[in-house]
Amino acid sequence: MSDRYTDKPFLRYVDAWVLDAIGHLDEPTRAYCVAMEPTIRQSLRLNGNWKQMVAQQMKFAPDLAGQIRKIWEDGKARFEQGNGRPADPVQFAMTFVDRNFGRA
């Protein structure tokens, strides 16, 4: 299986943005995103922290994080009930990004 981010490095930040929106961004990934802010800033010629730059680059609406969080919360219980296992936030984020942003 190929690495999801090989040909689309920015996709890593979009996935992380969604994970942050639902409250499931792990600390190593958050630290990586923060450490990469100067690189993102330089390559995209944007300002702000990594989350702001992702939102700017993707043209996210200001309330999108709240909308995604609601979708996660509303769907999590249904998923767990229907599948008999906990919903995976990483899988949710990747699927959400792929379906809504065309793999960025």
PDB file of N, CA and C in Angstrom:
ATOM      1  N   MET A   1       0.849  -1.188   0.000  1.00  0.00           N
ATOM      2  CA  MET A   1       0.000   0.000   0.000  1.00  0.00           C
ATOM      3  C   MET A   1       0.888   1.243   0.000  1.00  0.00           C
ATOM      4  N   SER A   2       0.580   2.192  -0.871  1.00  0.00           N
ATOM      5  CA  SER A   2       1.395   3.397  -0.935  1.00  0.00           C
ATOM      6  C   SER A   2       1.019   4.346   0.198  1.00  0.00           C
ATOM      7  N   ASP A   3       1.977   5.171   0.538  1.00  0.00           N
ATOM      8  CA  ASP A   3       1.754   6.164   1.584  1.00  0.00           C
ATOM      9  C   ASP A   3       0.779   7.218   1.065  1.00  0.00           C
ATOM     10  N   ARG A   4      -0.224   7.484   1.842  1.00  0.00           N
ATOM     11  CA  ARG A   4      -1.280   8.438   1.488  1.00  0.00           C
ATOM     12  C   ARG A   4      -0.729   9.810   1.110  1.00  0.00           C
ATOM     13  N   TYR A   5       0.406  10.181   1.684  1.00  0.00           N
ATOM     14  CA  TYR A   5       0.908  11.543   1.526  1.00  0.00           C
ATOM     15  C   TYR A   5       2.073  11.675   0.545  1.00  0.00           C
ATOM     16  N   THR A   6       2.479  10.586  -0.104  1.00  0.00           N
ATOM     17  CA  THR A   6       3.658  10.621  -0.962  1.00  0.00           C
ATOM     18  C   THR A   6       3.583  11.710  -2.027  1.00  0.00           C
ATOM     19  N   ASP A   7       2.524  11.721  -2.799  1.00  0.00           N
ATOM     20  CA  ASP A   7       2.402  12.700  -3.879  1.00  0.00           C
ATOM     21  C   ASP A   7       1.588  13.930  -3.501  1.00  0.00           C
ATOM     22  N   LYS A   8       1.030  13.921  -2.287  1.00  0.00           N
ATOM     23  CA  LYS A   8       0.201  15.032  -1.832  1.00  0.00           C
ATOM     24  C   LYS A   8       0.555  15.375  -0.386  1.00  0.00           C
ATOM     25  N   PRO A   9       1.707  15.996  -0.166  1.00  0.00           N
ATOM     26  CA  PRO A   9       2.131  16.273   1.213  1.00  0.00           C
ATOM     27  C   PRO A   9       1.184  17.186   1.975  1.00  0.00           C
ATOM     28  N   PHE A  10       0.486  18.084   1.290  1.00  0.00           N
ATOM     29  CA  PHE A  10      -0.429  18.994   1.983  1.00  0.00           C
ATOM     30  C   PHE A  10      -1.618  18.242   2.580  1.00  0.00           C
ATOM     31  N   LEU A  11      -1.932  17.090   2.020  1.00  0.00           N
ATOM     32  CA  LEU A  11      -3.039  16.271   2.512  1.00  0.00           C
ATOM     33  C   LEU A  11      -2.867  15.916   3.985  1.00  0.00           C
ATOM     34  N   ARG A  12      -1.633  15.741   4.416  1.00  0.00           N
ATOM     35  CA  ARG A  12      -1.347  15.443   5.829  1.00  0.00           C
ATOM     36  C   ARG A  12      -1.915  16.537   6.737  1.00  0.00           C
ATOM     37  N   TYR A  13      -1.789  17.786   6.309  1.00  0.00           N
ATOM     38  CA  TYR A  13      -2.263  18.909   7.121  1.00  0.00           C
ATOM     39  C   TYR A  13      -3.792  19.017   7.097  1.00  0.00           C
ATOM     40  N   VAL A  14      -4.381  18.672   5.964  1.00  0.00           N
ATOM     41  CA  VAL A  14      -5.843  18.700   5.882  1.00  0.00           C
ATOM     42  C   VAL A  14      -6.424  17.615   6.790  1.00  0.00           C
ATOM     43  N   ASP A  15      -5.846  16.414   6.737  1.00  0.00           N
ATOM     44  CA  ASP A  15      -6.278  15.344   7.646  1.00  0.00           C
ATOM     45  C   ASP A  15      -6.121  15.783   9.100  1.00  0.00           C
ATOM     46  N   ALA A  16      -4.988  16.396   9.412  1.00  0.00           N
ATOM     47  CA  ALA A  16      -4.725  16.852  10.785  1.00  0.00           C
ATOM     48  C   ALA A  16      -5.723  17.932  11.190  1.00  0.00           C
ATOM     49  N   TRP A  17      -6.070  18.808  10.266  1.00  0.00           N
ATOM     50  CA  TRP A  17      -7.034  19.872  10.545  1.00  0.00           C
ATOM     51  C   TRP A  17      -8.376  19.266  10.934  1.00  0.00           C
ATOM     52  N   VAL A  18      -8.817  18.249  10.196  1.00  0.00           N
ATOM     53  CA  VAL A  18     -10.090  17.593  10.502  1.00  0.00           C
ATOM     54  C   VAL A  18      -9.995  16.876  11.854  1.00  0.00           C
ATOM     55  N   LEU A  19      -8.890  16.178  12.103  1.00  0.00           N
ATOM     56  CA  LEU A  19      -8.713  15.513  13.401  1.00  0.00           C
ATOM     57  C   LEU A  19      -8.748  16.528  14.534  1.00  0.00           C
ATOM     58  N   ASP A  20      -8.152  17.678  14.332  1.00  0.00           N
ATOM     59  CA  ASP A  20      -8.189  18.730  15.347  1.00  0.00           C
ATOM     60  C   ASP A  20      -9.626  19.219  15.551  1.00  0.00           C
ATOM     61  N   ALA A  21     -10.365  19.356  14.462  1.00  0.00           N
ATOM     62  CA  ALA A  21     -11.749  19.831  14.542  1.00  0.00           C
ATOM     63  C   ALA A  21     -12.619  18.899  15.382  1.00  0.00           C
ATOM     64  N   ILE A  22     -12.325  17.593  15.345  1.00  0.00           N
ATOM     65  CA  ILE A  22     -13.143  16.642  16.113  1.00  0.00           C
ATOM     66  C   ILE A  22     -12.510  16.296  17.459  1.00  0.00           C
ATOM     67  N   GLY A  23     -11.406  16.970  17.786  1.00  0.00           N
ATOM     68  CA  GLY A  23     -10.779  16.773  19.091  1.00  0.00           C
ATOM     69  C   GLY A  23      -9.947  15.516  19.220  1.00  0.00           C
ATOM     70  N   HIS A  24      -9.418  15.014  18.085  1.00  0.00           N
ATOM     71  CA  HIS A  24      -8.652  13.766  18.116  1.00  0.00           C
ATOM     72  C   HIS A  24      -7.277  13.880  17.460  1.00  0.00           C
ATOM     73  N   LEU A  25      -6.722  15.074  17.403  1.00  0.00           N
ATOM     74  CA  LEU A  25      -5.380  15.222  16.842  1.00  0.00           C
ATOM     75  C   LEU A  25      -4.368  14.838  17.913  1.00  0.00           C
ATOM     76  N   ASP A  26      -3.549  13.833  17.605  1.00  0.00           N
ATOM     77  CA  ASP A  26      -2.559  13.382  18.587  1.00  0.00           C
ATOM     78  C   ASP A  26      -1.416  14.394  18.692  1.00  0.00           C
ATOM     79  N   GLU A  27      -0.744  14.376  19.826  1.00  0.00           N
ATOM     80  CA  GLU A  27       0.298  15.371  20.105  1.00  0.00           C
ATOM     81  C   GLU A  27       1.480  15.306  19.137  1.00  0.00           C
ATOM     82  N   PRO A  28       1.978  14.107  18.758  1.00  0.00           N
ATOM     83  CA  PRO A  28       3.079  14.094  17.787  1.00  0.00           C
ATOM     84  C   PRO A  28       2.705  14.739  16.443  1.00  0.00           C
ATOM     85  N   THR A  29       1.492  14.509  15.976  1.00  0.00           N
ATOM     86  CA  THR A  29       1.077  15.120  14.707  1.00  0.00           C
ATOM     87  C   THR A  29       0.902  16.615  14.869  1.00  0.00           C
ATOM     88  N   ARG A  30       0.338  17.046  15.998  1.00  0.00           N
ATOM     89  CA  ARG A  30       0.199  18.485  16.264  1.00  0.00           C
ATOM     90  C   ARG A  30       1.588  19.145  16.280  1.00  0.00           C
ATOM     91  N   ALA A  31       2.528  18.526  16.963  1.00  0.00           N
ATOM     92  CA  ALA A  31       3.882  19.077  17.048  1.00  0.00           C
ATOM     93  C   ALA A  31       4.531  19.150  15.665  1.00  0.00           C
ATOM     94  N   TYR A  32       4.310  18.128  14.845  1.00  0.00           N
ATOM     95  CA  TYR A  32       4.845  18.122  13.483  1.00  0.00           C
ATOM     96  C   TYR A  32       4.268  19.296  12.685  1.00  0.00           C
ATOM     97  N   CYS A  33       2.957  19.479  12.778  1.00  0.00           N
ATOM     98  CA  CYS A  33       2.303  20.567  12.040  1.00  0.00           C
ATOM     99  C   CYS A  33       2.832  21.930  12.479  1.00  0.00           C
ATOM    100  N   VAL A  34       3.007  22.101  13.778  1.00  0.00           N
ATOM    101  CA  VAL A  34       3.549  23.363  14.301  1.00  0.00           C
ATOM    102  C   VAL A  34       4.980  23.562  13.807  1.00  0.00           C
ATOM    103  N   ALA A  35       5.776  22.502  13.847  1.00  0.00           N
ATOM    104  CA  ALA A  35       7.168  22.604  13.403  1.00  0.00           C
ATOM    105  C   ALA A  35       7.268  22.934  11.917  1.00  0.00           C
ATOM    106  N   MET A  36       6.285  22.533  11.146  1.00  0.00           N
ATOM    107  CA  MET A  36       6.310  22.765   9.703  1.00  0.00           C
ATOM    108  C   MET A  36       5.710  24.108   9.290  1.00  0.00           C
ATOM    109  N   GLU A  37       5.231  24.884  10.245  1.00  0.00           N
ATOM    110  CA  GLU A  37       4.608  26.172   9.909  1.00  0.00           C
ATOM    111  C   GLU A  37       5.481  27.055   9.029  1.00  0.00           C
ATOM    112  N   PRO A  38       6.789  27.220   9.336  1.00  0.00           N
ATOM    113  CA  PRO A  38       7.606  28.072   8.452  1.00  0.00           C
ATOM    114  C   PRO A  38       7.664  27.557   7.014  1.00  0.00           C
ATOM    115  N   THR A  39       7.720  26.252   6.851  1.00  0.00           N
ATOM    116  CA  THR A  39       7.765  25.664   5.512  1.00  0.00           C
ATOM    117  C   THR A  39       6.449  25.889   4.780  1.00  0.00           C
ATOM    118  N   ILE A  40       5.340  25.678   5.475  1.00  0.00           N
ATOM    119  CA  ILE A  40       4.025  25.906   4.871  1.00  0.00           C
ATOM    120  C   ILE A  40       3.888  27.374   4.495  1.00  0.00           C
ATOM    121  N   ARG A  41       4.279  28.240   5.411  1.00  0.00           N
ATOM    122  CA  ARG A  41       4.186  29.687   5.196  1.00  0.00           C
ATOM    123  C   ARG A  41       4.969  30.091   3.949  1.00  0.00           C
ATOM    124  N   GLN A  42       6.178  29.556   3.832  1.00  0.00           N
ATOM    125  CA  GLN A  42       7.038  29.915   2.704  1.00  0.00           C
ATOM    126  C   GLN A  42       6.507  29.332   1.396  1.00  0.00           C
ATOM    127  N   SER A  43       6.096  28.078   1.403  1.00  0.00           N
ATOM    128  CA  SER A  43       5.675  27.455   0.146  1.00  0.00           C
ATOM    129  C   SER A  43       4.317  27.964  -0.334  1.00  0.00           C
ATOM    130  N   LEU A  44       3.426  28.294   0.585  1.00  0.00           N
ATOM    131  CA  LEU A  44       2.091  28.748   0.187  1.00  0.00           C
ATOM    132  C   LEU A  44       1.932  30.268   0.212  1.00  0.00           C
ATOM    133  N   ARG A  45       2.938  30.944   0.781  1.00  0.00           N
ATOM    134  CA  ARG A  45       2.898  32.407   0.908  1.00  0.00           C
ATOM    135  C   ARG A  45       1.651  32.864   1.670  1.00  0.00           C
ATOM    136  N   LEU A  46       1.402  32.171   2.782  1.00  0.00           N
ATOM    137  CA  LEU A  46       0.275  32.501   3.644  1.00  0.00           C
ATOM    138  C   LEU A  46       0.784  32.886   5.020  1.00  0.00           C
ATOM    139  N   ASN A  47      -0.077  33.462   5.823  1.00  0.00           N
ATOM    140  CA  ASN A  47       0.275  33.844   7.182  1.00  0.00           C
ATOM    141  C   ASN A  47      -0.615  33.112   8.172  1.00  0.00           C
ATOM    142  N   GLY A  48      -0.153  33.060   9.420  1.00  0.00           N
ATOM    143  CA  GLY A  48      -0.926  32.439  10.482  1.00  0.00           C
ATOM    144  C   GLY A  48      -0.310  31.138  10.942  1.00  0.00           C
ATOM    145  N   ASN A  49      -1.017  30.453  11.841  1.00  0.00           N
ATOM    146  CA  ASN A  49      -0.536  29.151  12.287  1.00  0.00           C
ATOM    147  C   ASN A  49      -0.966  28.097  11.267  1.00  0.00           C
ATOM    148  N   TRP A  50      -0.545  26.861  11.483  1.00  0.00           N
ATOM    149  CA  TRP A  50      -0.805  25.835  10.470  1.00  0.00           C
ATOM    150  C   TRP A  50      -2.296  25.649  10.210  1.00  0.00           C
ATOM    151  N   LYS A  51      -3.121  25.715  11.261  1.00  0.00           N
ATOM    152  CA  LYS A  51      -4.564  25.530  11.062  1.00  0.00           C
ATOM    153  C   LYS A  51      -5.145  26.670  10.226  1.00  0.00           C
ATOM    154  N   GLN A  52      -4.712  27.886  10.498  1.00  0.00           N
ATOM    155  CA  GLN A  52      -5.197  29.036   9.734  1.00  0.00           C
ATOM    156  C   GLN A  52      -4.759  28.943   8.270  1.00  0.00           C
ATOM    157  N   MET A  53      -3.508  28.501   8.055  1.00  0.00           N
ATOM    158  CA  MET A  53      -3.014  28.389   6.685  1.00  0.00           C
ATOM    159  C   MET A  53      -3.751  27.294   5.915  1.00  0.00           C
ATOM    160  N   VAL A  54      -4.043  26.175   6.566  1.00  0.00           N
ATOM    161  CA  VAL A  54      -4.824  25.119   5.911  1.00  0.00           C
ATOM    162  C   VAL A  54      -6.195  25.654   5.538  1.00  0.00           C
ATOM    163  N   ALA A  55      -6.835  26.335   6.471  1.00  0.00           N
ATOM    164  CA  ALA A  55      -8.173  26.886   6.214  1.00  0.00           C
ATOM    165  C   ALA A  55      -8.135  27.887   5.061  1.00  0.00           C
ATOM    166  N   GLN A  56      -7.102  28.716   5.016  1.00  0.00           N
ATOM    167  CA  GLN A  56      -6.979  29.695   3.931  1.00  0.00           C
ATOM    168  C   GLN A  56      -6.766  28.999   2.590  1.00  0.00           C
ATOM    169  N   GLN A  57      -5.837  28.061   2.566  1.00  0.00           N
ATOM    170  CA  GLN A  57      -5.510  27.359   1.327  1.00  0.00           C
ATOM    171  C   GLN A  57      -6.709  26.580   0.791  1.00  0.00           C
ATOM    172  N   MET A  58      -7.459  25.967   1.692  1.00  0.00           N
ATOM    173  CA  MET A  58      -8.610  25.147   1.296  1.00  0.00           C
ATOM    174  C   MET A  58      -9.891  25.965   1.165  1.00  0.00           C
ATOM    175  N   LYS A  59      -9.817  27.248   1.533  1.00  0.00           N
ATOM    176  CA  LYS A  59     -10.984  28.142   1.489  1.00  0.00           C
ATOM    177  C   LYS A  59     -12.127  27.609   2.345  1.00  0.00           C
ATOM    178  N   PHE A  60     -11.771  27.149   3.550  1.00  0.00           N
ATOM    179  CA  PHE A  60     -12.761  26.632   4.488  1.00  0.00           C
ATOM    180  C   PHE A  60     -13.594  27.766   5.060  1.00  0.00           C
ATOM    181  N   ALA A  61     -14.872  27.534   5.198  1.00  0.00           N
ATOM    182  CA  ALA A  61     -15.762  28.492   5.846  1.00  0.00           C
ATOM    183  C   ALA A  61     -15.402  28.568   7.327  1.00  0.00           C
ATOM    184  N   PRO A  62     -15.615  29.713   7.961  1.00  0.00           N
ATOM    185  CA  PRO A  62     -15.253  29.872   9.370  1.00  0.00           C
ATOM    186  C   PRO A  62     -15.924  28.861  10.311  1.00  0.00           C
ATOM    187  N   ASP A  63     -17.101  28.404   9.963  1.00  0.00           N
ATOM    188  CA  ASP A  63     -17.821  27.482  10.848  1.00  0.00           C
ATOM    189  C   ASP A  63     -17.636  26.011  10.482  1.00  0.00           C
ATOM    190  N   LEU A  64     -16.726  25.714   9.543  1.00  0.00           N
ATOM    191  CA  LEU A  64     -16.567  24.332   9.084  1.00  0.00           C
ATOM    192  C   LEU A  64     -16.125  23.388  10.197  1.00  0.00           C
ATOM    193  N   ALA A  65     -15.213  23.814  11.051  1.00  0.00           N
ATOM    194  CA  ALA A  65     -14.748  22.930  12.134  1.00  0.00           C
ATOM    195  C   ALA A  65     -15.922  22.495  13.008  1.00  0.00           C
ATOM    196  N   GLY A  66     -16.809  23.407  13.334  1.00  0.00           N
ATOM    197  CA  GLY A  66     -17.987  23.073  14.131  1.00  0.00           C
ATOM    198  C   GLY A  66     -18.918  22.122  13.407  1.00  0.00           C
ATOM    199  N   GLN A  67     -19.068  22.311  12.111  1.00  0.00           N
ATOM    200  CA  GLN A  67     -19.915  21.416  11.320  1.00  0.00           C
ATOM    201  C   GLN A  67     -19.334  20.005  11.287  1.00  0.00           C
ATOM    202  N   ILE A  68     -18.028  19.914  11.101  1.00  0.00           N
ATOM    203  CA  ILE A  68     -17.377  18.594  11.071  1.00  0.00           C
ATOM    204  C   ILE A  68     -17.506  17.911  12.424  1.00  0.00           C
ATOM    205  N   ARG A  69     -17.309  18.664  13.485  1.00  0.00           N
ATOM    206  CA  ARG A  69     -17.435  18.106  14.842  1.00  0.00           C
ATOM    207  C   ARG A  69     -18.841  17.551  15.063  1.00  0.00           C
ATOM    208  N   LYS A  70     -19.852  18.254  14.570  1.00  0.00           N
ATOM    209  CA  LYS A  70     -21.239  17.790  14.707  1.00  0.00           C
ATOM    210  C   LYS A  70     -21.453  16.500  13.915  1.00  0.00           C
ATOM    211  N   ILE A  71     -20.939  16.433  12.705  1.00  0.00           N
ATOM    212  CA  ILE A  71     -21.058  15.219  11.894  1.00  0.00           C
ATOM    213  C   ILE A  71     -20.404  14.046  12.617  1.00  0.00           C
ATOM    214  N   TRP A  72     -19.218  14.269  13.187  1.00  0.00           N
ATOM    215  CA  TRP A  72     -18.504  13.229  13.930  1.00  0.00           C
ATOM    216  C   TRP A  72     -19.327  12.758  15.122  1.00  0.00           C
ATOM    217  N   GLU A  73     -19.774  13.701  15.920  1.00  0.00           N
ATOM    218  CA  GLU A  73     -20.528  13.355  17.130  1.00  0.00           C
ATOM    219  C   GLU A  73     -21.838  12.646  16.793  1.00  0.00           C
ATOM    220  N   ASP A  74     -22.554  13.154  15.801  1.00  0.00           N
ATOM    221  CA  ASP A  74     -23.833  12.555  15.420  1.00  0.00           C
ATOM    222  C   ASP A  74     -23.639  11.150  14.831  1.00  0.00           C
ATOM    223  N   GLY A  75     -22.601  10.975  14.031  1.00  0.00           N
ATOM    224  CA  GLY A  75     -22.394   9.698  13.354  1.00  0.00           C
ATOM    225  C   GLY A  75     -21.673   8.653  14.176  1.00  0.00           C
ATOM    226  N   LYS A  76     -20.918   9.088  15.174  1.00  0.00           N
ATOM    227  CA  LYS A  76     -20.113   8.159  15.975  1.00  0.00           C
ATOM    228  C   LYS A  76     -20.988   7.111  16.656  1.00  0.00           C
ATOM    229  N   ALA A  77     -22.040   7.525  17.313  1.00  0.00           N
ATOM    230  CA  ALA A  77     -22.914   6.585  18.028  1.00  0.00           C
ATOM    231  C   ALA A  77     -23.594   5.632  17.049  1.00  0.00           C
ATOM    232  N   ARG A  78     -24.063   6.162  15.921  1.00  0.00           N
ATOM    233  CA  ARG A  78     -24.704   5.304  14.912  1.00  0.00           C
ATOM    234  C   ARG A  78     -23.726   4.269  14.382  1.00  0.00           C
ATOM    235  N   PHE A  79     -22.488   4.695  14.122  1.00  0.00           N
ATOM    236  CA  PHE A  79     -21.475   3.768  13.633  1.00  0.00           C
ATOM    237  C   PHE A  79     -21.228   2.660  14.650  1.00  0.00           C
ATOM    238  N   GLU A  80     -21.029   3.052  15.894  1.00  0.00           N
ATOM    239  CA  GLU A  80     -20.722   2.070  16.939  1.00  0.00           C
ATOM    240  C   GLU A  80     -21.882   1.110  17.138  1.00  0.00           C
ATOM    241  N   GLN A  81     -23.092   1.616  17.065  1.00  0.00           N
ATOM    242  CA  GLN A  81     -24.276   0.767  17.210  1.00  0.00           C
ATOM    243  C   GLN A  81     -24.383  -0.216  16.042  1.00  0.00           C
ATOM    244  N   GLY A  82     -24.144   0.252  14.848  1.00  0.00           N
ATOM    245  CA  GLY A  82     -24.282  -0.581  13.660  1.00  0.00           C
ATOM    246  C   GLY A  82     -23.136  -1.536  13.423  1.00  0.00           C
ATOM    247  N   ASN A  83     -21.965  -1.230  13.957  1.00  0.00           N
ATOM    248  CA  ASN A  83     -20.782  -2.039  13.676  1.00  0.00           C
ATOM    249  C   ASN A  83     -20.241  -2.777  14.888  1.00  0.00           C
ATOM    250  N   GLY A  84     -20.746  -2.452  16.061  1.00  0.00           N
ATOM    251  CA  GLY A  84     -20.300  -3.146  17.261  1.00  0.00           C
ATOM    252  C   GLY A  84     -18.864  -2.855  17.659  1.00  0.00           C
ATOM    253  N   ARG A  85     -18.333  -1.761  17.179  1.00  0.00           N
ATOM    254  CA  ARG A  85     -16.961  -1.351  17.541  1.00  0.00           C
ATOM    255  C   ARG A  85     -16.884   0.173  17.527  1.00  0.00           C
ATOM    256  N   PRO A  86     -15.913   0.702  18.243  1.00  0.00           N
ATOM    257  CA  PRO A  86     -15.785   2.166  18.289  1.00  0.00           C
ATOM    258  C   PRO A  86     -15.444   2.756  16.921  1.00  0.00           C
ATOM    259  N   ALA A  87     -15.932   3.940  16.686  1.00  0.00           N
ATOM    260  CA  ALA A  87     -15.581   4.667  15.469  1.00  0.00           C
ATOM    261  C   ALA A  87     -14.116   5.101  15.565  1.00  0.00           C
ATOM    262  N   ASP A  88     -13.417   5.023  14.453  1.00  0.00           N
ATOM    263  CA  ASP A  88     -12.005   5.391  14.392  1.00  0.00           C
ATOM    264  C   ASP A  88     -11.890   6.830  13.885  1.00  0.00           C
ATOM    265  N   PRO A  89     -11.428   7.756  14.725  1.00  0.00           N
ATOM    266  CA  PRO A  89     -11.359   9.154  14.296  1.00  0.00           C
ATOM    267  C   PRO A  89     -10.407   9.379  13.118  1.00  0.00           C
ATOM    268  N   VAL A  90      -9.328   8.625  13.037  1.00  0.00           N
ATOM    269  CA  VAL A  90      -8.390   8.790  11.916  1.00  0.00           C
ATOM    270  C   VAL A  90      -9.055   8.356  10.609  1.00  0.00           C
ATOM    271  N   GLN A  91      -9.745   7.225  10.651  1.00  0.00           N
ATOM    272  CA  GLN A  91     -10.458   6.760   9.453  1.00  0.00           C
ATOM    273  C   GLN A  91     -11.547   7.755   9.066  1.00  0.00           C
ATOM    274  N   PHE A  92     -12.251   8.286  10.065  1.00  0.00           N
ATOM    275  CA  PHE A  92     -13.269   9.297   9.794  1.00  0.00           C
ATOM    276  C   PHE A  92     -12.643  10.487   9.075  1.00  0.00           C
ATOM    277  N   ALA A  93     -11.529  10.992   9.608  1.00  0.00           N
ATOM    278  CA  ALA A  93     -10.892  12.175   9.024  1.00  0.00           C
ATOM    279  C   ALA A  93     -10.480  11.922   7.581  1.00  0.00           C
ATOM    280  N   MET A  94      -9.832  10.788   7.336  1.00  0.00           N
ATOM    281  CA  MET A  94      -9.385  10.479   5.969  1.00  0.00           C
ATOM    282  C   MET A  94     -10.565  10.339   5.015  1.00  0.00           C
ATOM    283  N   THR A  95     -11.592   9.649   5.458  1.00  0.00           N
ATOM    284  CA  THR A  95     -12.774   9.464   4.618  1.00  0.00           C
ATOM    285  C   THR A  95     -13.466  10.795   4.376  1.00  0.00           C
ATOM    286  N   PHE A  96     -13.585  11.621   5.411  1.00  0.00           N
ATOM    287  CA  PHE A  96     -14.214  12.928   5.276  1.00  0.00           C
ATOM    288  C   PHE A  96     -13.451  13.784   4.268  1.00  0.00           C
ATOM    289  N   VAL A  97     -12.141  13.802   4.394  1.00  0.00           N
ATOM    290  CA  VAL A  97     -11.314  14.597   3.466  1.00  0.00           C
ATOM    291  C   VAL A  97     -11.459  14.069   2.049  1.00  0.00           C
ATOM    292  N   ASP A  98     -11.356  12.762   1.866  1.00  0.00           N
ATOM    293  CA  ASP A  98     -11.447  12.184   0.534  1.00  0.00           C
ATOM    294  C   ASP A  98     -12.796  12.479  -0.129  1.00  0.00           C
ATOM    295  N   ARG A  99     -13.856  12.370   0.638  1.00  0.00           N
ATOM    296  CA  ARG A  99     -15.208  12.565   0.084  1.00  0.00           C
ATOM    297  C   ARG A  99     -15.538  14.035  -0.174  1.00  0.00           C
ATOM    298  N   ASN A 100     -15.013  14.912   0.652  1.00  0.00           N
ATOM    299  CA  ASN A 100     -15.407  16.314   0.566  1.00  0.00           C
ATOM    300  C   ASN A 100     -14.395  17.232  -0.087  1.00  0.00           C
ATOM    301  N   PHE A 101     -13.149  16.813  -0.129  1.00  0.00           N
ATOM    302  CA  PHE A 101     -12.124  17.705  -0.674  1.00  0.00           C
ATOM    303  C   PHE A 101     -11.294  17.028  -1.753  1.00  0.00           C
ATOM    304  N   GLY A 102     -11.751  15.905  -2.264  1.00  0.00           N
ATOM    305  CA  GLY A 102     -11.067  15.235  -3.363  1.00  0.00           C
ATOM    306  C   GLY A 102      -9.619  14.921  -3.088  1.00  0.00           C
ATOM    307  N   ARG A 103      -9.339  14.486  -1.868  1.00  0.00           N
ATOM    308  CA  ARG A 103      -7.980  14.178  -1.419  1.00  0.00           C
ATOM    309  C   ARG A 103      -7.063  15.384  -1.521  1.00  0.00           C
ATOM    310  N   ALA A 104      -7.661  16.564  -1.320  1.00  0.00           N
ATOM    311  CA  ALA A 104      -6.921  17.835  -1.290  1.00  0.00           C
ATOM    312  C   ALA A 104      -5.885  17.848  -2.378  1.00  0.00           C
TER     313      ALA A 104
END
